[in-house]
């Protein structure tokens, strides 16, 4: 994303630096050679014999100076004393050579390019002004020194012009240097940000993988909990009813064969019903009671069947305007009612049970009350997996659909189980 752009900027900066580095390495040789050739070609016209001898000596000296600098510049340099010495000696040699022949100003021109590179900031402007003096002298018409007032005037104007250009180019160079530093700093910051981003992406990928594992584990645990609750509410309850009917057969087989047959039929019906509910639980389908009836009708039949099987008087009541409910809401309330009735039949010793389904705007409540022996809800032992899911299972079912279960009871005064869930219409 940002890495390609940053890499392109860095490559551009590197290419430019390499180009200037090649110029600083080979440019002085080329300019010195070109100036020497042109000066030699014009020597008969503008050079005295003394100037020729001086130039003949100083050109090899300038070449030797350049060879020495090419060797020494491979050592740690920057704006070192060696760099300052090299610049000063080269500037003097260029000045004297230009005095001998103005065409040597091509060699003196180097001072404009590398003064800021070789000299401290303040000394760099002095070095460029010295180069400006040499360039102005070479262009005033008569060389060094000017021999007429007109040439001196021309020299002054040219020097002023070169000095102005020096200041302008120095300012431009300063701004370019600042821009280059800013660009390099920006590139470094972008590279650092990209590195941090890549690290963050790697960490996010690890966290994502960890979350997927946790979500998978949570899904497995939730499905196990659902199946355990369904098995308890279907197979376990059915087996309990079957056992009760078979015990009744044992006690009535000799005295009343017709009653024994009735109990056997009930046991077979419970077995078939439990088998069907077990299959529906595995497939995560709605309970069989809700397959063809709505919740009020299914509850009414469930209460009636329970009362006939247990032998306890039970009444079912609906309040409010009944509405078709979402399958999950209906299944949850039906399972809670079945568990509450099973608990009342096993533990309460009640003679009367009342079940009320209330539609109240955006909520549905289910109340199961009995007149049995009651109990202390606080003193109940924790669930240990041997006596069914009980109250904790009912609460877990309700909480799964953003509902709640409240139990009110005390010893000797019966018990009331109230489940409150959101009213989600059938879709």
Protein backbone atom coordinates (compact mmCIF):
# COMPACT_ATOMS: atom_id res chain seq x y z
CA UNK A 1 0.00 0.00 0.00
CA UNK A 2 2.30 2.81 1.22
CA UNK A 3 5.40 0.68 0.77
CA UNK A 4 5.54 0.98 -3.05
CA UNK A 5 5.20 4.77 -2.96
CA UNK A 6 7.85 5.07 -0.28
CA UNK A 7 10.15 2.72 -2.17
CA UNK A 8 9.74 4.81 -5.35
CA UNK A 9 10.62 8.05 -3.55
CA UNK A 10 13.63 6.44 -1.92
CA UNK A 11 14.80 5.07 -5.29
CA UNK A 12 14.44 8.51 -6.91
CA UNK A 13 16.47 10.15 -4.15
CA UNK A 14 19.12 7.44 -4.41
CA UNK A 15 19.37 7.82 -8.22
CA UNK A 16 19.80 11.60 -7.96
CA UNK A 17 22.49 11.23 -5.31
CA UNK A 18 24.31 8.67 -7.45
CA UNK A 19 24.22 11.04 -10.44
CA UNK A 20 25.76 13.90 -8.47
CA UNK A 21 28.31 11.54 -6.98
CA UNK A 22 29.47 10.62 -10.49
CA UNK A 23 29.75 14.30 -11.38
CA UNK A 24 31.81 15.09 -8.27
CA UNK A 25 34.10 12.15 -9.05
CA UNK A 26 34.74 12.65 -12.78
CA UNK A 27 33.53 16.19 -13.52
CA UNK A 28 36.68 18.00 -12.33
CA UNK A 29 38.86 15.93 -14.66
CA UNK A 30 36.57 16.65 -17.61
CA UNK A 31 36.35 20.40 -16.96
CA UNK A 32 40.10 20.69 -16.35
CA UNK A 33 40.83 18.80 -19.57
CA UNK A 34 38.35 20.83 -21.60
CA UNK A 35 39.67 24.14 -20.22
CA UNK A 36 43.28 23.07 -20.98
CA UNK A 37 42.45 22.11 -24.57
CA UNK A 38 40.54 25.34 -25.31
CA UNK A 39 43.22 27.44 -23.60
CA UNK A 40 45.95 25.75 -25.61
CA UNK A 41 44.08 26.41 -28.84
CA UNK A 42 43.75 30.13 -28.00
CA UNK A 43 47.16 30.52 -26.37
CA UNK A 44 48.76 32.35 -29.27
CA UNK A 45 45.96 34.95 -29.26
CA UNK A 46 45.42 35.78 -25.60
CA UNK A 47 48.27 34.31 -23.55
CA UNK A 48 51.73 35.72 -22.92
CA UNK A 49 54.74 33.47 -22.89
CA UNK A 50 54.91 33.80 -19.07
CA UNK A 51 51.27 32.84 -18.83
CA UNK A 52 51.94 29.77 -20.93
CA UNK A 53 54.76 28.68 -18.63
CA UNK A 54 52.67 29.30 -15.51
CA UNK A 55 49.73 27.40 -16.97
CA UNK A 56 52.04 24.59 -18.05
CA UNK A 57 53.14 24.19 -14.43
CA UNK A 58 49.78 24.70 -12.71
CA UNK A 59 47.72 22.34 -14.89
CA UNK A 60 49.74 19.27 -13.73
CA UNK A 61 49.53 20.62 -10.18
CA UNK A 62 45.74 20.90 -10.49
CA UNK A 63 45.62 17.35 -11.92
CA UNK A 64 47.76 16.05 -9.03
CA UNK A 65 45.51 17.86 -6.56
CA UNK A 66 42.49 16.20 -8.09
CA UNK A 67 44.11 12.76 -7.99
CA UNK A 68 44.98 13.29 -4.31
CA UNK A 69 41.40 14.28 -3.54
CA UNK A 70 39.99 11.27 -5.42
CA UNK A 71 42.15 9.06 -3.22
CA UNK A 72 41.48 10.84 0.09
CA UNK A 73 37.71 11.22 -0.44
CA UNK A 74 37.23 7.45 0.10
CA UNK A 75 38.15 8.00 3.73
CA UNK A 76 35.56 9.48 6.15
CA UNK A 77 35.41 13.09 5.01
CA UNK A 78 32.25 15.20 4.86
CA UNK A 79 33.18 18.81 5.66
CA UNK A 80 36.63 17.83 6.94
CA UNK A 81 39.84 19.86 6.99
CA UNK A 82 41.06 17.90 3.98
CA UNK A 83 37.95 18.94 2.05
CA UNK A 84 38.43 22.58 3.01
CA UNK A 85 42.11 22.44 2.00
CA UNK A 86 41.22 20.84 -1.33
CA UNK A 87 38.63 23.52 -2.11
CA UNK A 88 40.92 26.41 -1.12
CA UNK A 89 43.93 25.18 -3.16
CA UNK A 90 41.76 24.37 -6.18
CA UNK A 91 40.14 27.84 -6.03
CA UNK A 92 43.56 29.55 -5.96
CA UNK A 93 44.82 27.39 -8.85
CA UNK A 94 41.67 28.16 -10.85
CA UNK A 95 42.06 31.89 -10.17
CA UNK A 96 45.69 31.95 -11.33
CA UNK A 97 44.95 29.79 -14.39
CA UNK A 98 42.03 32.06 -15.31
CA UNK A 99 44.40 35.06 -14.95
CA UNK A 100 46.62 33.32 -17.47
CA UNK A 101 43.73 32.44 -19.81
CA UNK A 102 40.03 33.28 -19.25
CA UNK A 103 39.00 29.91 -20.67
CA UNK A 104 40.28 28.23 -17.48
CA UNK A 105 37.14 29.69 -15.84
CA UNK A 106 35.49 26.44 -16.94
CA UNK A 107 37.60 24.72 -14.28
CA UNK A 108 36.86 27.49 -11.74
CA UNK A 109 33.13 26.90 -12.29
CA UNK A 110 33.36 23.84 -10.00
CA UNK A 111 33.32 26.15 -6.98
CA UNK A 112 29.65 26.90 -7.53
CA UNK A 113 28.73 23.20 -7.35
CA UNK A 114 30.65 21.79 -4.41
CA UNK A 115 31.25 24.73 -2.03
CA UNK A 116 28.21 23.83 0.06
CA UNK A 117 29.27 20.19 -0.01
CA UNK A 118 32.88 20.67 1.06
CA UNK A 119 32.78 23.74 3.32
CA UNK A 120 30.91 24.71 6.48
CA UNK A 121 27.74 26.75 5.95
CA UNK A 122 29.30 30.21 6.42
CA UNK A 123 32.52 29.35 4.60
CA UNK A 124 30.52 27.96 1.67
CA UNK A 125 29.25 31.43 0.74
CA UNK A 126 32.76 32.85 0.95
CA UNK A 127 33.99 30.07 -1.34
CA UNK A 128 31.24 30.78 -3.87
CA UNK A 129 32.00 34.54 -3.75
CA UNK A 130 35.67 33.76 -4.47
CA UNK A 131 34.51 31.70 -7.42
CA UNK A 132 32.33 34.65 -8.50
CA UNK A 133 35.42 36.92 -8.51
CA UNK A 134 37.21 34.49 -10.81
CA UNK A 135 34.20 34.15 -13.13
CA UNK A 136 33.62 37.93 -13.31
CA UNK A 137 37.30 38.54 -14.10
CA UNK A 138 37.22 36.02 -16.91
CA UNK A 139 34.21 37.74 -18.50
CA UNK A 140 35.13 41.43 -18.15
CA UNK A 141 36.95 41.49 -21.52
CA UNK A 142 40.64 41.89 -20.72
CA UNK A 143 41.18 39.18 -18.11
CA UNK A 144 43.09 39.85 -14.88
CA UNK A 145 43.67 42.55 -13.95
CA UNK A 146 41.28 44.86 -15.88
CA UNK A 147 43.40 47.41 -17.73
CA UNK A 148 40.86 50.17 -18.37
CA UNK A 149 38.10 51.94 -16.49
CA UNK A 150 35.55 50.34 -18.78
CA UNK A 151 36.87 46.88 -18.01
CA UNK A 152 36.89 47.67 -14.28
CA UNK A 153 33.29 48.81 -14.58
CA UNK A 154 32.40 45.64 -16.45
CA UNK A 155 34.22 43.62 -13.80
CA UNK A 156 32.22 45.33 -11.02
CA UNK A 157 28.90 44.75 -12.77
CA UNK A 158 29.73 41.12 -13.50
CA UNK A 159 30.92 40.58 -9.94
CA UNK A 160 27.69 42.05 -8.59
CA UNK A 161 25.72 39.83 -10.94
CA UNK A 162 27.65 36.70 -9.96
CA UNK A 163 27.42 37.57 -6.27
CA UNK A 164 23.67 37.95 -6.56
CA UNK A 165 23.44 34.65 -8.35
CA UNK A 166 25.62 33.11 -5.65
CA UNK A 167 23.25 34.31 -2.93
CA UNK A 168 20.21 33.20 -4.88
CA UNK A 169 21.63 29.78 -5.63
CA UNK A 170 22.85 29.44 -2.05
CA UNK A 171 19.32 30.09 -0.82
CA UNK A 172 17.95 27.63 -3.34
CA UNK A 173 20.54 25.07 -2.29
CA UNK A 174 19.62 25.58 1.37
CA UNK A 175 15.95 25.06 0.63
CA UNK A 176 16.68 22.02 -1.49
CA UNK A 177 18.83 20.59 1.26
CA UNK A 178 16.06 21.18 3.80
CA UNK A 179 13.54 19.66 1.40
CA UNK A 180 15.80 16.67 0.86
CA UNK A 181 16.21 16.21 4.61
CA UNK A 182 12.47 16.54 5.09
CA UNK A 183 11.85 14.04 2.33
CA UNK A 184 14.35 11.60 3.78
CA UNK A 185 12.83 12.02 7.25
CA UNK A 186 9.35 11.52 5.78
CA UNK A 187 10.47 8.41 3.96
CA UNK A 188 12.02 7.07 7.16
CA UNK A 189 8.82 7.80 9.08
CA UNK A 190 6.72 6.13 6.38
CA UNK A 191 8.96 3.09 6.39
CA UNK A 192 8.70 2.95 10.17
CA UNK A 193 4.91 3.35 9.97
CA UNK A 194 4.75 0.62 7.33
CA UNK A 195 6.83 -1.65 9.53
CA UNK A 196 4.50 -0.98 12.46
CA UNK A 197 1.49 -1.52 10.23
CA UNK A 198 2.85 -4.85 9.00
CA UNK A 199 3.51 -5.87 12.57
CA UNK A 200 0.00 -4.82 13.57
CA UNK A 201 -1.46 -6.75 10.62
CA UNK A 202 0.52 -9.82 11.65
CA UNK A 203 -0.73 -9.45 15.23
CA UNK A 204 -4.29 -8.94 13.97
CA UNK A 205 -3.99 -12.06 11.86
CA UNK A 206 -2.89 -13.98 14.95
CA UNK A 207 -5.73 -12.52 17.00
CA UNK A 208 -8.19 -13.32 14.21
CA UNK A 209 -7.03 -16.93 14.13
CA UNK A 210 -7.28 -17.07 17.93
CA UNK A 211 -10.80 -15.61 17.83
CA UNK A 212 -11.81 -18.18 15.22
CA UNK A 213 -10.56 -20.96 17.46
CA UNK A 214 -12.36 -19.49 20.46
CA UNK A 215 -15.55 -18.99 18.45
CA UNK A 216 -15.35 -22.58 17.23
CA UNK A 217 -14.81 -23.83 20.77
CA UNK A 218 -17.66 -21.66 22.05
CA UNK A 219 -19.92 -22.98 19.30
CA UNK A 220 -19.02 -26.56 20.20
CA UNK A 221 -19.64 -25.88 23.89
CA UNK A 222 -22.96 -24.17 23.14
CA UNK A 223 -24.08 -27.05 20.94
CA UNK A 224 -23.11 -29.55 23.63
CA UNK A 225 -25.07 -27.55 26.18
CA UNK A 226 -28.07 -27.41 23.85
CA UNK A 227 -28.00 -31.14 23.19
CA UNK A 228 -27.56 -31.90 26.90
CA UNK A 229 -30.58 -29.77 27.75
CA UNK A 230 -32.63 -31.30 24.94
CA UNK A 231 -31.69 -34.82 26.02
CA UNK A 232 -32.68 -33.98 29.57
CA UNK A 233 -35.99 -32.46 28.50
CA UNK A 234 -36.88 -35.23 26.05
CA UNK A 235 -35.22 -38.59 26.60
CA UNK A 236 -34.68 -38.28 30.36
CA UNK A 237 -38.20 -37.01 31.02
CA UNK A 238 -39.63 -39.67 28.73
CA UNK A 239 -37.67 -42.44 30.41
CA UNK A 240 -38.84 -41.22 33.81
CA UNK A 241 -42.46 -41.40 32.62
CA UNK A 242 -41.91 -44.84 31.11
CA UNK A 243 -40.41 -46.14 34.34
CA UNK A 244 -43.38 -44.78 36.30
CA UNK A 245 -45.86 -46.46 33.94
CA UNK A 246 -43.98 -49.78 34.08
CA UNK A 247 -43.93 -49.66 37.87
CA UNK A 248 -47.69 -49.12 37.79
CA UNK A 249 -48.02 -52.16 35.50
CA UNK A 250 -46.11 -54.26 38.00
CA UNK A 251 -48.43 -53.31 40.84
CA UNK A 252 -51.69 -53.78 38.87
CA UNK A 253 -50.92 -56.67 36.51
CA UNK A 254 -52.61 -59.31 38.69
CA UNK A 255 -55.45 -57.31 40.18
CA UNK A 256 -56.54 -55.25 37.15
CA UNK A 257 -55.26 -56.42 33.74
CA UNK A 258 -57.16 -53.67 31.93
CA UNK A 259 -55.47 -50.95 33.97
CA UNK A 260 -52.11 -52.65 33.44
CA UNK A 261 -52.73 -52.60 29.69
CA UNK A 262 -53.56 -48.88 29.93
CA UNK A 263 -50.24 -48.21 31.66
CA UNK A 264 -48.38 -50.24 29.02
CA UNK A 265 -50.02 -48.22 26.25
CA UNK A 266 -48.95 -45.02 27.98
CA UNK A 267 -45.39 -46.31 28.31
CA UNK A 268 -45.28 -47.19 24.59
CA UNK A 269 -46.68 -43.78 23.66
CA UNK A 270 -44.10 -42.07 25.84
CA UNK A 271 -41.34 -44.14 24.23
CA UNK A 272 -42.47 -43.20 20.71
CA UNK A 273 -42.82 -39.54 21.71
CA UNK A 274 -39.36 -39.49 23.34
CA UNK A 275 -37.79 -41.10 20.28
CA UNK A 276 -39.33 -38.46 18.03
CA UNK A 277 -38.20 -35.64 20.31
CA UNK A 278 -34.66 -37.08 20.42
CA UNK A 279 -34.50 -37.06 16.63
CA UNK A 280 -35.79 -33.51 16.53
CA UNK A 281 -33.23 -32.40 19.11
CA UNK A 282 -30.35 -33.86 17.10
CA UNK A 283 -31.60 -32.08 13.98
CA UNK A 284 -32.23 -28.88 15.96
CA UNK A 285 -35.92 -28.83 15.00
CA UNK A 286 -38.81 -27.38 16.97
CA UNK A 287 -40.45 -29.71 19.52
CA UNK A 288 -43.09 -32.09 18.17
CA UNK A 289 -45.78 -30.29 20.19
CA UNK A 290 -45.12 -27.13 18.15
CA UNK A 291 -44.95 -28.83 14.77
CA UNK A 292 -48.69 -28.41 14.15
CA UNK A 293 -49.92 -26.24 17.05
CA UNK A 294 -49.07 -22.78 18.27
CA UNK A 295 -47.61 -22.26 21.75
CA UNK A 296 -50.92 -21.84 23.69
CA UNK A 297 -52.38 -25.02 22.18
CA UNK A 298 -49.13 -26.95 22.71
CA UNK A 299 -48.95 -25.83 26.34
CA UNK A 300 -52.58 -26.73 26.93
CA UNK A 301 -52.01 -30.25 25.62
CA UNK A 302 -48.74 -30.59 27.56
CA UNK A 303 -50.42 -29.54 30.83
CA UNK A 304 -53.35 -31.89 30.23
CA UNK A 305 -51.08 -34.84 29.39
CA UNK A 306 -48.93 -34.18 32.44
CA UNK A 307 -51.97 -33.95 34.73
CA UNK A 308 -53.36 -37.25 33.43
CA UNK A 309 -50.03 -39.00 33.76
CA UNK A 310 -49.14 -37.71 37.24
CA UNK A 311 -52.66 -37.56 38.65
CA UNK A 312 -52.49 -33.95 39.77
CA UNK A 313 -55.10 -31.30 38.99
CA UNK A 314 -53.65 -28.75 36.57
CA UNK A 315 -55.12 -25.69 34.88
CA UNK A 316 -53.85 -23.70 31.94
CA UNK A 317 -54.73 -20.05 31.28
CA UNK A 318 -53.86 -17.55 28.53
CA UNK A 319 -54.02 -13.79 29.14
CA UNK A 320 -53.62 -10.97 26.65
CA UNK A 321 -53.84 -11.24 22.89
CA UNK A 322 -52.08 -14.36 21.67
CA UNK A 323 -49.65 -13.87 18.78
CA UNK A 324 -47.67 -16.37 16.69
CA UNK A 325 -44.17 -16.55 18.18
CA UNK A 326 -40.77 -17.21 16.71
CA UNK A 327 -39.91 -20.92 16.79
CA UNK A 328 -37.00 -20.41 19.19
CA UNK A 329 -39.16 -18.39 21.63
CA UNK A 330 -41.97 -20.94 21.55
CA UNK A 331 -39.57 -23.89 21.98
CA UNK A 332 -37.86 -22.17 24.93
CA UNK A 333 -41.11 -21.49 26.82
CA UNK A 334 -42.41 -25.00 26.11
CA UNK A 335 -39.22 -26.62 27.44
CA UNK A 336 -39.28 -24.41 30.54
CA UNK A 337 -42.91 -25.39 31.18
CA UNK A 338 -42.09 -29.11 30.75
CA UNK A 339 -39.15 -28.84 33.18
CA UNK A 340 -41.18 -26.89 35.75
CA UNK A 341 -44.01 -29.44 35.58
CA UNK A 342 -41.54 -32.33 35.86
CA UNK A 343 -40.00 -30.77 38.97
CA UNK A 344 -43.43 -30.19 40.48
CA UNK A 345 -44.40 -33.81 39.83
CA UNK A 346 -41.18 -35.22 41.29
CA UNK A 347 -40.50 -32.99 44.28
CA UNK A 348 -43.41 -30.79 45.35
CA UNK A 349 -46.14 -33.27 46.33
CA UNK A 350 -48.61 -30.70 45.02
CA UNK A 351 -52.35 -31.31 44.65
CA UNK A 352 -52.88 -28.41 42.26
CA UNK A 353 -50.78 -26.73 39.58
CA UNK A 354 -51.55 -23.61 37.56
CA UNK A 355 -49.85 -22.61 34.31
CA UNK A 356 -50.39 -19.12 32.86
CA UNK A 357 -49.14 -17.78 29.52
CA UNK A 358 -49.35 -13.98 29.30
CA UNK A 359 -48.86 -11.79 26.22
CA UNK A 360 -47.85 -8.31 27.42
CA UNK A 361 -46.92 -5.99 24.59
CA UNK A 362 -43.30 -6.70 23.77
CA UNK A 363 -42.87 -9.53 26.30
CA UNK A 364 -44.24 -12.99 26.96
CA UNK A 365 -44.33 -14.49 30.44
CA UNK A 366 -44.87 -18.04 31.57
CA UNK A 367 -45.87 -18.73 35.20
CA UNK A 368 -45.98 -22.23 36.72
CA UNK A 369 -47.35 -22.32 40.29
CA UNK A 370 -48.00 -25.22 42.64
CA UNK A 371 -49.33 -25.65 46.18
CA UNK A 372 -46.71 -28.19 47.16
CA UNK A 373 -44.20 -28.34 50.01
CA UNK A 374 -42.05 -25.52 48.61
CA UNK A 375 -38.33 -25.05 49.17
CA UNK A 376 -35.66 -22.46 49.87
CA UNK A 377 -34.18 -21.36 46.49
CA UNK A 378 -31.02 -20.08 48.19
CA UNK A 379 -30.39 -23.41 49.89
CA UNK A 380 -30.55 -25.47 46.71
CA UNK A 381 -27.37 -27.54 46.13
CA UNK A 382 -25.40 -26.69 42.98
CA UNK A 383 -26.08 -28.73 39.89
CA UNK A 384 -23.85 -31.82 39.78
CA UNK A 385 -25.14 -33.51 36.61
CA UNK A 386 -27.13 -36.29 38.34
CA UNK A 387 -30.58 -34.77 38.88
CA UNK A 388 -31.22 -33.04 35.57
CA UNK A 389 -30.70 -29.44 34.64
CA UNK A 390 -33.47 -28.05 36.84
CA UNK A 391 -33.57 -24.34 37.54
CA UNK A 392 -30.12 -23.64 36.06
CA UNK A 393 -31.18 -25.25 32.79
CA UNK A 394 -34.35 -23.14 32.65
CA UNK A 395 -32.37 -19.97 33.31
CA UNK A 396 -29.82 -20.89 30.62
CA UNK A 397 -32.58 -21.43 28.07
CA UNK A 398 -34.19 -18.07 28.82
CA UNK A 399 -30.89 -16.18 28.81
CA UNK A 400 -30.07 -17.62 25.38
CA UNK A 401 -32.92 -15.51 23.92
CA UNK A 402 -32.34 -12.48 26.21
CA UNK A 403 -34.89 -13.58 28.79
CA UNK A 404 -34.84 -14.41 32.51
CA UNK A 405 -36.30 -16.94 34.96
CA UNK A 406 -37.30 -16.00 38.52
CA UNK A 407 -38.18 -18.56 41.20
CA UNK A 408 -40.27 -17.68 44.27
CA UNK A 409 -40.76 -20.30 46.97
CA UNK A 410 -40.47 -20.99 50.67
CA UNK A 411 -40.89 -24.20 52.66
CA UNK A 412 -44.59 -25.09 53.16
CA UNK A 413 -46.00 -22.45 50.79
CA UNK A 414 -45.58 -23.94 47.33
CA UNK A 415 -43.43 -22.59 44.50
CA UNK A 416 -43.74 -20.31 41.49
CA UNK A 417 -41.50 -20.30 38.42
CA UNK A 418 -41.77 -17.23 36.19
CA UNK A 419 -40.07 -16.98 32.80
CA UNK A 420 -40.01 -13.64 30.96
CA UNK A 421 -38.76 -13.44 27.35
CA UNK A 422 -38.99 -10.90 24.49
CA UNK A 423 -41.98 -11.26 22.19
CA UNK A 424 -40.46 -12.03 18.82
CA UNK A 425 -43.15 -12.67 16.20
CA UNK A 426 -43.07 -15.65 13.88
CA UNK A 427 -41.18 -15.08 10.63
